[in-house]
Amino acid sequence: MAYLIGTDIGTSGTKTIVMNEKGKLISSDLVEYDVLTPKPLWAEQWPMVWMEAVRESIRNAVKKSGCGPEEVTGICISGLYGGSGIPLDEEMRPVRPCLIWMDRRASEEEAWVCSEIGKETIQDITHNGTDPYHGYTKILWIKNHEPENWEKIRLFLPPNAYAIYQLTGEVAIDYSSAGNIGGIFDAKRRCWSEELMGRMGIPLSMMPQRIVQSSEIVGTLTEQAGAELGLREGIPVCAGGVDCVVATLGLGVFSAGKYAATIGTSMSAAFVHDRPINGKGLIEMPYVLDALHLTYSFGGAATSGALIKWFRDQLAGLEKEAEQKGGMNAYAALDKEAEQVPAGSNGLILLPYFMGERSPLWNTHARGVLFGLSLNHTKAHVYRAFLEAVAYSLRQTIECAGDDVGDTILLSGGVAKSPLWKQIFADVLGKKIVCPTQDVEANLGDVILAGLGTGTITAEEAQTWQSFHEPVCPQPEAQRAYDQYYALYQSVYKSLLGDFERLTGIEAALRR
C-alpha cells in the first residue's frame, strides 16, 4: 500500500494528514502556535515556529499511521498567505519575522503605489488591487522602514516554499503563491513583472526564479530531513500552494465553473474560471491545477469564524462554562437558542468588520456595527445576527464574481457543524449549500497534489475521494426576508463610510 502526506501551515497551527492511495484518512496531527502582534494592525510570525510545527506534525502523523517509511510515496505542503514572504539573507537565514496576510501596516506604501504607478496599471497587469493586504506593499514597507534589514535580504519565500527548501534544499515557488503577492506578478504572462518591480525598486533577484505547478516535484527529502521526520531520504516533495486555493481542490474543484467557500478564522470564497470575469474587488491568482489556464478569484473576509468565537468567548460565558462542566457544546447551545429567532433577527443587522475588511470592500477603516437594537432583543437575536452577517458578507463576494456562478455553493469549515448556519447561508444566498463530510480540505488538496505529482494516483481517482452531505436548499419565505435585510445591510455600510474614517482619525490622534 502506498501512502501520501499532506501538510498545511496555517495561521494558528500546522496540520498533517496521512492518507493511503485509495483516499482513506489514516492519521492526522495538529501543532498550534500564536501570531505576534507587536503593534495595532501588525501581524508577524517567525518561520522557525512554522518549521518546528511542520517537523513535529509530520513526525507524529507518520508515527500514528503505522506505515513504514518505504511506503510513503510523496509529500506536499501548503501554507497560509505569507504576505511579504520570509525575508532571507545569503545564507538562507530569516532576517526578520514574516509580515503575514493579516498585517495592515503598509498603508503609506499602498498610497505611494496609487500615486506613482496607479491603480489601473496595477490592476491591468496583475489583476489585483493596491490594498495593504497584498505582499508587495509589505515588501515595500520593509524597504522603507528597515533599511538595515533590506540590505541583508537576498530572497523572499512564502511559508510552504520555505518549508520545502528546509526539507529538500531546493528553491521554487508555485504559481498560486507568486500570483497572490499581487502587484509584481504579471497575471497574463504568468511571470514576474519586471516593469512593476523596476518601478517599485524591488530587485527581480529577490523573487524565486523557478515558478512551478503546484503538483510539480520541487525536490526530495534530504538525509537529515528524513531522519527528523521519521521517513527515508529521497521521498519526493511537491510544491503545494496557498492554503485557501489548495483547500478548494480538496473540496473537489477540478475544473472551471465552480464556487467554493471556506469559513475559518477568516473567509475565503472563490470562483475557479478559465476566462476573464467581472471580479471587481476580488483577489486573483493562478489555480493549483493547470495554473497556466485556470484562475482562482476570491473574496477574503477578514473575520468570519473569528466573529463567532469572539461572541462565544466574550458574551456566552454561561454556555461556555456549561460545556466545560460536561454539558452541551457552547456553539450548539447558542444555535439552539437562535433557532427560535426569525430570519433577520427581528430587524437586527451586524456589520462584521471587526478587523477592517479585505476583499471586496478593501476598507481598513471599517468597524463592527450592531444596527437596530431594541429592548426586545435578546442574546439569541444578537447571536443569530452574527451568523447572518457572515452570510451577507459571502453574498456580497459572490455577486462580485459575475453571472457565471451556478446554483450550488460548496461550503466548508466550522459552518458544516451547524445545521442552523447552513440554512442561513442557503436562505441568504438563495442557493443550495453542499458541505463535505470530512474537514480536511487543504490537507486533502495537498495529498491529491502529492499523488498527482508522483503519479501515485490519477485525477479521475482523486475526484472520488471527497464525500458530501445532502444539499441544504433555500426556504422561499426566509429568502424573501433576507433579500430586504441584505439591501439594508449594504445601505448601512455605505452610510457610515465617512464616520469609519473619522473614528480612525480620532483613535490615531489619541494614541500620539
Protein backbone atom coordinates (compact mmCIF):
# COMPACT_ATOMS: atom_id res chain seq x y z
CA MET A 1 0.00 0.00 0.00
CA ALA A 2 1.25 3.50 -0.88
CA TYR A 3 0.79 6.43 1.48
CA LEU A 4 0.75 10.19 0.83
CA ILE A 5 1.39 13.04 3.27
CA GLY A 6 -0.36 16.43 3.16
CA THR A 7 0.82 19.26 5.42
CA ASP A 8 -0.86 22.66 5.75
CA ILE A 9 0.93 25.53 7.53
CA GLY A 10 -1.91 27.64 8.91
CA THR A 11 -2.04 30.96 10.73
CA SER A 12 -2.67 29.38 14.14
CA GLY A 13 -1.42 25.84 13.61
CA THR A 14 0.11 23.30 11.25
CA LYS A 15 -1.80 20.13 10.44
CA THR A 16 -0.57 17.00 8.72
CA ILE A 17 -2.58 14.04 7.47
CA VAL A 18 -1.57 10.65 6.09
CA MET A 19 -3.85 9.02 3.51
CA ASN A 20 -3.50 5.84 1.53
CA GLU A 21 -3.67 5.64 -2.25
CA LYS A 22 -7.40 4.87 -2.05
CA GLY A 23 -8.18 8.17 -0.34
CA LYS A 24 -8.68 6.76 3.17
CA LEU A 25 -7.62 9.03 6.03
CA ILE A 26 -5.15 7.07 8.16
CA SER A 27 -3.91 9.61 10.71
CA SER A 28 -3.58 13.33 11.46
CA ASP A 29 -1.75 15.64 13.82
CA LEU A 30 -2.06 19.34 14.68
CA VAL A 31 0.56 21.62 16.28
CA GLU A 32 -0.66 25.05 17.38
CA TYR A 33 1.14 28.40 17.81
CA ASP A 34 0.43 32.13 18.04
CA VAL A 35 0.71 35.24 15.89
CA LEU A 36 2.96 38.12 17.01
CA THR A 37 1.08 41.45 17.16
CA PRO A 38 3.64 43.97 18.49
CA LYS A 39 1.55 46.98 17.42
CA PRO A 40 -2.05 47.64 16.33
CA LEU A 41 -2.68 46.22 12.84
CA TRP A 42 0.69 44.41 12.84
CA ALA A 43 0.87 40.62 12.45
CA GLU A 44 4.14 38.68 12.16
CA GLN A 45 5.42 35.12 12.51
CA TRP A 46 8.90 33.65 12.69
CA PRO A 47 9.44 30.85 10.15
CA MET A 48 11.30 28.74 12.71
CA VAL A 49 8.00 28.32 14.56
CA TRP A 50 6.40 27.04 11.36
CA MET A 51 9.28 24.65 10.69
CA GLU A 52 9.16 23.18 14.20
CA ALA A 53 5.44 22.58 13.71
CA VAL A 54 5.95 21.07 10.24
CA ARG A 55 8.53 18.62 11.55
CA GLU A 56 6.53 17.72 14.65
CA SER A 57 3.19 17.29 12.88
CA ILE A 58 4.66 15.12 10.11
CA ARG A 59 6.64 13.03 12.57
CA ASN A 60 3.58 12.50 14.81
CA ALA A 61 1.20 11.76 11.93
CA VAL A 62 3.61 9.20 10.43
CA LYS A 63 4.04 7.53 13.83
CA LYS A 64 0.26 7.39 14.38
CA SER A 65 -0.31 5.94 10.90
CA GLY A 66 1.86 2.90 11.47
CA CYS A 67 3.04 2.97 7.86
CA GLY A 68 6.64 2.20 7.02
CA PRO A 69 8.92 4.95 5.63
CA GLU A 70 9.35 2.94 2.44
CA GLU A 71 5.57 3.05 1.84
CA VAL A 72 5.37 6.88 1.67
CA THR A 73 5.49 7.92 -1.98
CA GLY A 74 5.05 11.68 -1.74
CA ILE A 75 4.64 14.80 0.39
CA CYS A 76 3.03 18.15 -0.42
CA ILE A 77 2.98 21.32 1.68
CA SER A 78 0.53 24.23 1.51
CA GLY A 79 0.68 27.38 3.60
CA LEU A 80 -1.08 30.49 4.75
CA TYR A 81 -0.72 33.55 2.56
CA GLY A 82 2.67 34.72 3.77
CA GLY A 83 2.20 38.37 2.81
CA SER A 84 5.69 39.72 2.24
CA GLY A 85 7.13 36.24 2.27
CA ILE A 86 10.00 35.27 4.56
CA PRO A 87 12.94 37.65 4.03
CA LEU A 88 16.12 35.57 3.82
CA ASP A 89 19.80 36.52 3.68
CA GLU A 90 22.53 34.95 1.53
CA GLU A 91 22.80 32.04 3.98
CA MET A 92 19.01 31.47 3.71
CA ARG A 93 18.54 32.64 7.30
CA PRO A 94 15.46 34.70 8.22
CA VAL A 95 16.31 38.39 8.50
CA ARG A 96 13.12 39.27 10.39
CA PRO A 97 9.65 37.79 11.00
CA CYS A 98 7.33 37.34 8.03
CA LEU A 99 4.62 40.01 7.61
CA ILE A 100 1.62 37.71 7.14
CA TRP A 101 -1.69 38.26 5.36
CA MET A 102 -3.48 39.97 8.27
CA ASP A 103 -0.79 42.64 8.73
CA ARG A 104 -2.14 46.07 7.75
CA ARG A 105 0.84 48.38 8.40
CA ALA A 106 1.72 49.23 4.77
CA SER A 107 -0.91 51.94 4.21
CA GLU A 108 1.66 54.60 3.23
CA GLU A 109 3.24 52.20 0.74
CA GLU A 110 -0.16 51.45 -0.76
CA ALA A 111 -0.83 55.18 -1.15
CA TRP A 112 2.58 55.66 -2.82
CA VAL A 113 1.84 52.89 -5.34
CA CYS A 114 -1.51 54.51 -6.17
CA SER A 115 0.14 57.89 -6.66
CA GLU A 116 3.32 56.87 -8.51
CA ILE A 117 2.16 53.87 -10.52
CA GLY A 118 -1.62 53.98 -10.43
CA LYS A 119 -4.35 51.54 -9.50
CA GLU A 120 -5.34 50.98 -13.12
CA THR A 121 -1.80 49.97 -14.12
CA ILE A 122 -1.52 47.54 -11.21
CA GLN A 123 -4.96 46.09 -11.97
CA ASP A 124 -4.28 45.76 -15.68
CA ILE A 125 -1.01 43.87 -15.27
CA THR A 126 -1.61 41.85 -12.10
CA HIS A 127 -5.44 41.61 -11.98
CA ASN A 128 -5.14 42.64 -8.33
CA GLY A 129 -5.55 45.84 -6.37
CA THR A 130 -3.48 48.12 -4.16
CA ASP A 131 -4.55 47.28 -0.60
CA PRO A 132 -2.01 46.80 2.26
CA TYR A 133 -3.18 43.17 2.29
CA HIS A 134 -1.01 42.45 -0.75
CA GLY A 135 2.50 41.19 -0.19
CA TYR A 136 4.25 43.70 -2.43
CA THR A 137 3.14 46.60 -0.19
CA LYS A 138 4.57 44.76 2.81
CA ILE A 139 7.86 44.25 0.95
CA LEU A 140 7.95 47.99 0.28
CA TRP A 141 7.31 48.66 3.98
CA ILE A 142 10.42 46.66 4.91
CA LYS A 143 12.38 48.54 2.25
CA ASN A 144 11.21 51.94 3.52
CA HIS A 145 11.25 51.38 7.28
CA GLU A 146 14.03 48.84 7.86
CA PRO A 147 16.89 49.77 5.51
CA GLU A 148 19.39 47.78 7.58
CA ASN A 149 17.31 44.64 7.06
CA TRP A 150 16.68 45.46 3.41
CA GLU A 151 20.42 45.43 2.76
CA LYS A 152 20.64 41.89 4.13
CA ILE A 153 17.70 40.43 2.16
CA ARG A 154 18.51 38.34 -0.89
CA LEU A 155 15.28 36.35 -1.32
CA PHE A 156 11.63 36.28 -0.25
CA LEU A 157 9.96 32.86 0.09
CA PRO A 158 6.35 32.05 1.03
CA PRO A 159 5.85 29.70 4.03
CA ASN A 160 5.30 26.49 2.04
CA ALA A 161 8.27 27.17 -0.26
CA TYR A 162 10.50 27.88 2.75
CA ALA A 163 9.45 24.61 4.40
CA ILE A 164 10.15 22.72 1.16
CA TYR A 165 13.58 24.36 0.97
CA GLN A 166 14.32 23.28 4.53
CA LEU A 167 13.37 19.68 3.71
CA THR A 168 14.92 19.38 0.25
CA GLY A 169 17.47 22.16 -0.23
CA GLU A 170 15.64 23.26 -3.40
CA VAL A 171 14.15 26.72 -4.06
CA ALA A 172 10.96 27.23 -6.06
CA ILE A 173 7.61 29.00 -5.80
CA ASP A 174 4.27 27.73 -7.03
CA TYR A 175 2.09 29.85 -9.32
CA SER A 176 -0.66 30.49 -6.76
CA SER A 177 1.82 31.84 -4.20
CA ALA A 178 3.53 34.02 -6.81
CA GLY A 179 0.23 35.45 -8.02
CA ASN A 180 -1.02 36.14 -4.51
CA ILE A 181 1.85 38.53 -3.80
CA GLY A 182 -0.08 40.86 -6.06
CA GLY A 183 1.45 43.89 -7.73
CA ILE A 184 4.66 42.32 -9.05
CA PHE A 185 3.21 39.26 -10.85
CA ASP A 186 2.01 39.51 -14.45
CA ALA A 187 -1.30 37.63 -14.47
CA LYS A 188 -1.48 37.37 -18.26
CA ARG A 189 2.08 36.17 -18.87
CA ARG A 190 2.24 34.14 -15.62
CA CYS A 191 5.65 35.53 -14.62
CA TRP A 192 7.22 38.31 -12.55
CA SER A 193 6.57 41.79 -13.92
CA GLU A 194 9.99 43.32 -14.46
CA GLU A 195 8.28 46.63 -15.30
CA LEU A 196 6.45 46.92 -11.97
CA MET A 197 9.34 45.55 -9.91
CA GLY A 198 11.63 48.09 -11.52
CA ARG A 199 9.29 50.98 -10.77
CA MET A 200 8.96 49.84 -7.16
CA GLY A 201 12.68 49.29 -6.71
CA ILE A 202 12.32 45.61 -5.85
CA PRO A 203 15.15 43.60 -7.48
CA LEU A 204 13.95 40.71 -9.64
CA SER A 205 16.57 38.54 -7.93
CA MET A 206 14.63 38.80 -4.66
CA MET A 207 11.92 36.55 -6.11
CA PRO A 208 12.41 32.81 -6.81
CA GLN A 209 13.17 32.36 -10.49
CA ARG A 210 11.75 28.85 -10.63
CA ILE A 211 7.94 29.10 -10.80
CA VAL A 212 6.22 25.70 -10.86
CA GLN A 213 2.85 23.96 -10.96
CA SER A 214 1.56 23.01 -7.53
CA SER A 215 1.84 19.29 -8.26
CA GLU A 216 5.42 19.54 -9.54
CA ILE A 217 8.14 17.77 -7.56
CA VAL A 218 10.45 20.51 -6.25
CA GLY A 219 12.98 18.14 -4.71
CA THR A 220 13.37 15.11 -2.44
CA LEU A 221 13.90 14.75 1.31
CA THR A 222 17.48 15.13 2.38
CA GLU A 223 19.02 12.50 4.66
CA GLN A 224 18.77 14.89 7.62
CA ALA A 225 15.14 15.81 6.90
CA GLY A 226 14.20 12.16 6.53
CA ALA A 227 15.72 11.36 9.92
CA GLU A 228 13.93 14.31 11.56
CA LEU A 229 10.56 13.25 10.15
CA GLY A 230 10.88 9.53 10.74
CA LEU A 231 10.96 8.96 6.99
CA ARG A 232 13.52 7.91 4.41
CA GLU A 233 15.78 10.05 2.29
CA GLY A 234 14.63 10.70 -1.28
CA ILE A 235 10.83 10.98 -0.85
CA PRO A 236 9.52 13.48 -3.47
CA VAL A 237 8.14 16.79 -2.14
CA CYS A 238 5.63 18.67 -4.30
CA ALA A 239 5.23 22.44 -4.44
CA GLY A 240 1.75 22.90 -2.96
CA GLY A 241 0.27 26.39 -2.83
CA VAL A 242 -1.68 28.98 -0.87
CA ASP A 243 -3.81 27.09 1.63
CA CYS A 244 -7.20 28.50 0.62
CA VAL A 245 -6.56 27.59 -3.02
CA VAL A 246 -5.37 24.09 -2.14
CA ALA A 247 -8.45 23.76 0.11
CA THR A 248 -10.65 24.45 -2.92
CA LEU A 249 -9.05 21.48 -4.68
CA GLY A 250 -9.68 19.46 -1.52
CA LEU A 251 -13.36 20.37 -1.85
CA GLY A 252 -13.40 18.62 -5.22
CA VAL A 253 -12.97 21.55 -7.62
CA PHE A 254 -11.04 20.07 -10.54
CA SER A 255 -12.38 22.30 -13.30
CA ALA A 256 -13.70 25.76 -14.10
CA GLY A 257 -17.19 26.98 -13.24
CA LYS A 258 -17.43 26.03 -9.56
CA TYR A 259 -17.75 28.26 -6.48
CA ALA A 260 -16.40 27.22 -3.08
CA ALA A 261 -16.09 28.96 0.27
CA THR A 262 -14.18 28.03 3.40
CA ILE A 263 -15.23 29.51 6.73
CA GLY A 264 -12.28 29.53 9.12
CA THR A 265 -10.89 32.35 11.23
CA SER A 266 -11.42 34.41 8.09
CA MET A 267 -13.41 33.51 4.98
CA SER A 268 -12.07 32.56 1.57
CA ALA A 269 -14.74 32.39 -1.09
CA ALA A 270 -13.66 31.68 -4.65
CA PHE A 271 -14.74 31.09 -8.20
CA VAL A 272 -12.48 28.98 -10.44
CA HIS A 273 -12.67 30.06 -14.07
CA ASP A 274 -10.89 29.77 -17.41
CA ARG A 275 -11.88 33.14 -18.88
CA PRO A 276 -11.96 36.72 -17.54
CA ILE A 277 -14.80 37.58 -15.16
CA ASN A 278 -16.17 40.81 -13.78
CA GLY A 279 -14.36 40.34 -10.50
CA LYS A 280 -14.02 43.90 -9.29
CA GLY A 281 -12.51 43.95 -5.81
CA LEU A 282 -11.60 40.26 -5.82
CA ILE A 283 -8.14 38.77 -5.32
CA GLU A 284 -6.84 36.75 -8.27
CA MET A 285 -4.12 34.16 -8.69
CA PRO A 286 -3.43 31.05 -10.79
CA TYR A 287 -5.23 27.90 -9.63
CA VAL A 288 -3.35 24.91 -8.22
CA LEU A 289 -4.36 22.75 -11.19
CA ASP A 290 -3.46 23.75 -14.75
CA ALA A 291 -2.08 27.04 -13.43
CA LEU A 292 -1.37 28.46 -16.88
CA HIS A 293 -5.05 28.35 -17.86
CA LEU A 294 -7.23 28.19 -14.71
CA THR A 295 -7.65 31.19 -12.40
CA TYR A 296 -8.82 31.43 -8.80
CA SER A 297 -10.69 34.66 -7.96
CA PHE A 298 -11.69 35.07 -4.35
CA GLY A 299 -13.03 37.39 -1.73
CA GLY A 300 -11.33 37.16 1.62
CA ALA A 301 -13.38 38.49 4.52
CA ALA A 302 -11.10 39.39 7.42
CA THR A 303 -13.36 37.85 10.06
CA SER A 304 -15.97 35.10 9.89
CA GLY A 305 -15.36 32.21 12.26
CA ALA A 306 -13.41 34.68 14.40
CA LEU A 307 -16.65 36.64 14.93
CA ILE A 308 -18.48 33.60 16.26
CA LYS A 309 -15.58 32.64 18.52
CA TRP A 310 -15.45 36.23 19.83
CA PHE A 311 -19.16 36.08 20.64
CA ARG A 312 -18.75 32.78 22.49
CA ASP A 313 -15.72 33.97 24.46
CA GLN A 314 -16.99 37.45 25.32
CA LEU A 315 -20.78 37.16 25.51
CA ALA A 316 -21.59 33.49 26.13
CA GLY A 317 -19.85 32.79 29.42
CA LEU A 318 -22.72 30.67 30.75
CA GLU A 319 -22.78 28.41 27.70
CA LYS A 320 -19.00 28.09 27.73
CA GLU A 321 -18.96 27.25 31.44
CA ALA A 322 -21.69 24.64 30.97
CA GLU A 323 -19.66 22.99 28.21
CA GLN A 324 -16.57 22.89 30.43
CA LYS A 325 -18.65 21.07 33.07
CA GLY A 326 -19.62 18.38 30.58
CA GLY A 327 -22.74 19.98 29.15
CA MET A 328 -23.72 20.82 25.57
CA ASN A 329 -21.15 22.35 23.23
CA ALA A 330 -21.38 26.14 23.65
CA TYR A 331 -21.89 26.77 19.92
CA ALA A 332 -24.63 24.13 19.75
CA ALA A 333 -26.34 25.70 22.76
CA LEU A 334 -26.23 29.14 21.14
CA ASP A 335 -27.58 27.65 17.90
CA LYS A 336 -30.48 26.09 19.80
CA GLU A 337 -31.44 29.48 21.22
CA ALA A 338 -31.03 31.27 17.87
CA GLU A 339 -33.21 28.74 16.04
CA GLN A 340 -36.21 30.31 17.76
CA VAL A 341 -35.42 33.73 16.24
CA PRO A 342 -36.91 34.53 12.79
CA ALA A 343 -34.87 35.31 9.67
CA GLY A 344 -33.42 38.79 10.00
CA SER A 345 -33.21 38.64 13.82
CA ASN A 346 -36.26 40.90 14.17
CA GLY A 347 -34.54 43.81 12.44
CA LEU A 348 -31.06 43.38 13.89
CA ILE A 349 -28.11 43.74 11.48
CA LEU A 350 -24.43 43.29 12.22
CA LEU A 351 -21.66 44.80 10.10
CA PRO A 352 -18.92 42.15 10.59
CA TYR A 353 -15.87 44.37 10.13
CA PHE A 354 -14.12 43.74 13.44
CA MET A 355 -10.68 43.88 11.75
CA GLY A 356 -11.47 46.25 8.90
CA GLU A 357 -12.35 44.44 5.68
CA ARG A 358 -10.45 42.88 2.83
CA SER A 359 -11.96 41.83 -0.48
CA PRO A 360 -14.21 43.02 -1.99
CA LEU A 361 -14.61 46.21 0.12
CA TRP A 362 -10.93 46.90 0.85
CA ASN A 363 -11.60 49.22 3.76
CA THR A 364 -9.06 49.35 6.59
CA HIS A 365 -11.24 51.87 8.44
CA ALA A 366 -14.40 49.73 8.60
CA ARG A 367 -15.52 48.57 12.05
CA GLY A 368 -18.15 46.29 13.51
CA VAL A 369 -21.61 47.80 13.97
CA LEU A 370 -24.75 46.34 15.57
CA PHE A 371 -27.67 48.19 13.97
CA GLY A 372 -31.31 48.12 15.07
CA LEU A 373 -31.04 47.14 18.74
CA SER A 374 -34.10 47.42 20.94
CA LEU A 375 -35.09 46.23 24.42
CA ASN A 376 -36.97 43.37 22.78
CA HIS A 377 -33.78 41.81 21.50
CA THR A 378 -32.11 39.00 23.40
CA LYS A 379 -28.70 37.35 23.28
CA ALA A 380 -30.21 34.83 20.86
CA HIS A 381 -31.13 37.64 18.47
CA VAL A 382 -27.62 39.06 18.62
CA TYR A 383 -26.03 35.65 18.05
CA ARG A 384 -28.22 34.98 15.03
CA ALA A 385 -27.33 38.43 13.66
CA PHE A 386 -23.65 37.41 13.88
CA LEU A 387 -24.35 34.24 11.87
CA GLU A 388 -26.36 36.20 9.32
CA ALA A 389 -23.63 38.83 8.93
CA VAL A 390 -21.14 36.24 7.68
CA ALA A 391 -23.71 35.03 5.15
CA TYR A 392 -24.34 38.61 3.95
CA SER A 393 -20.59 39.04 3.54
CA LEU A 394 -20.40 35.89 1.40
CA ARG A 395 -23.33 37.06 -0.74
CA GLN A 396 -21.52 40.33 -1.43
CA THR A 397 -18.44 38.41 -2.55
CA ILE A 398 -20.42 36.04 -4.77
CA GLU A 399 -22.12 38.96 -6.52
CA CYS A 400 -18.68 40.32 -7.47
CA ALA A 401 -17.90 37.10 -9.35
CA GLY A 402 -20.49 37.85 -12.03
CA ASP A 403 -23.32 35.83 -13.50
CA ASP A 404 -21.49 32.56 -14.11
CA VAL A 405 -21.80 31.29 -10.54
CA GLY A 406 -24.20 28.36 -10.53
CA ASP A 407 -26.97 27.43 -8.13
CA THR A 408 -24.75 25.43 -5.75
CA ILE A 409 -22.09 26.63 -3.31
CA LEU A 410 -19.52 24.28 -1.78
CA LEU A 411 -19.09 25.34 1.84
CA SER A 412 -16.57 24.01 4.35
CA GLY A 413 -15.16 24.77 7.78
CA GLY A 414 -16.92 25.16 11.12
CA VAL A 415 -20.18 26.04 9.39
CA ALA A 416 -20.59 22.39 8.39
CA LYS A 417 -21.18 21.51 12.05
CA SER A 418 -24.13 23.90 12.39
CA PRO A 419 -27.44 23.00 10.69
CA LEU A 420 -28.77 26.46 11.56
CA TRP A 421 -25.85 28.30 9.98
CA LYS A 422 -26.02 26.18 6.81
CA GLN A 423 -29.71 27.01 6.46
CA ILE A 424 -29.00 30.72 6.98
CA PHE A 425 -26.38 30.60 4.21
CA ALA A 426 -28.83 28.87 1.86
CA ASP A 427 -31.58 31.41 2.61
CA VAL A 428 -29.36 34.50 2.36
CA LEU A 429 -27.63 33.34 -0.84
CA GLY A 430 -30.69 31.78 -2.47
CA LYS A 431 -28.53 28.79 -3.43
CA LYS A 432 -28.07 25.16 -2.44
CA ILE A 433 -25.35 24.63 0.17
CA VAL A 434 -23.25 21.47 -0.04
CA CYS A 435 -20.75 20.60 2.72
CA PRO A 436 -18.06 17.90 2.77
CA THR A 437 -18.23 15.07 5.30
CA GLN A 438 -14.52 15.42 6.12
CA ASP A 439 -12.99 18.65 7.46
CA VAL A 440 -9.55 18.21 5.84
CA GLU A 441 -9.82 20.43 2.76
CA ALA A 442 -6.32 21.97 2.49
CA ASN A 443 -4.66 18.78 3.69
CA LEU A 444 -6.71 16.68 1.29
CA GLY A 445 -5.74 19.05 -1.51
CA ASP A 446 -2.09 18.57 -0.54
CA VAL A 447 -2.45 14.80 -0.65
CA ILE A 448 -4.09 15.00 -4.08
CA LEU A 449 -1.29 17.21 -5.41
CA ALA A 450 1.33 14.85 -3.96
CA GLY A 451 -0.45 11.91 -5.56
CA LEU A 452 -0.73 13.59 -8.95
CA GLY A 453 2.85 14.87 -8.90
CA THR A 454 4.33 11.49 -8.05
CA GLY A 455 1.99 9.50 -10.29
CA THR A 456 0.62 7.59 -7.31
CA ILE A 457 -2.96 8.46 -8.29
CA THR A 458 -4.84 9.88 -11.27
CA ALA A 459 -7.12 12.93 -11.30
CA GLU A 460 -10.07 10.62 -12.02
CA GLU A 461 -9.34 8.63 -8.87
CA ALA A 462 -8.89 11.75 -6.75
CA GLN A 463 -12.26 13.14 -7.80
CA THR A 464 -13.99 10.30 -5.94
CA TRP A 465 -12.25 10.97 -2.63
CA GLN A 466 -14.39 13.80 -1.22
CA SER A 467 -17.89 12.90 0.00
CA PHE A 468 -20.66 15.39 0.75
CA HIS A 469 -23.71 15.76 2.94
CA GLU A 470 -27.14 16.20 1.37
CA PRO A 471 -27.67 19.73 -0.03
CA VAL A 472 -29.40 22.35 2.13
CA CYS A 473 -31.93 24.23 -0.01
CA PRO A 474 -33.18 27.82 0.46
CA GLN A 475 -36.60 28.41 2.03
CA PRO A 476 -38.57 30.88 -0.15
CA GLU A 477 -40.14 32.87 2.71
CA ALA A 478 -36.84 33.31 4.56
CA GLN A 479 -35.09 34.14 1.28
CA ARG A 480 -37.54 36.97 0.60
CA ALA A 481 -36.95 38.40 4.08
CA TYR A 482 -33.19 38.19 3.71
CA ASP A 483 -33.28 39.96 0.34
CA GLN A 484 -34.68 43.01 2.12
CA TYR A 485 -32.30 42.84 5.06
CA TYR A 486 -29.31 42.35 2.76
CA ALA A 487 -30.17 45.56 0.90
CA LEU A 488 -30.32 47.36 4.25
CA TYR A 489 -27.01 45.75 5.30
CA GLN A 490 -25.35 47.32 2.26
CA SER A 491 -27.04 50.67 2.85
CA VAL A 492 -25.95 50.89 6.49
CA TYR A 493 -22.33 50.28 5.49
CA LYS A 494 -22.39 52.98 2.81
CA SER A 495 -23.97 55.47 5.20
CA LEU A 496 -21.15 55.03 7.71
CA LEU A 497 -18.16 55.28 5.36
CA GLY A 498 -17.23 58.80 6.44
CA ASP A 499 -17.77 58.01 10.12
CA PHE A 500 -15.45 55.00 9.92
CA GLU A 501 -12.64 57.24 8.69
CA ARG A 502 -13.35 59.86 11.36
CA LEU A 503 -13.20 57.18 14.04
CA THR A 504 -9.82 56.01 12.76
CA GLY A 505 -8.55 59.58 12.86
CA ILE A 506 -9.70 60.09 16.44
CA GLU A 507 -8.06 56.83 17.57
CA ALA A 508 -4.79 57.73 15.85
CA ALA A 509 -4.74 61.22 17.38
CA LEU A 510 -5.34 59.87 20.89
CA ARG A 511 -2.51 57.34 20.54
CA ARG A 512 0.04 60.04 19.78
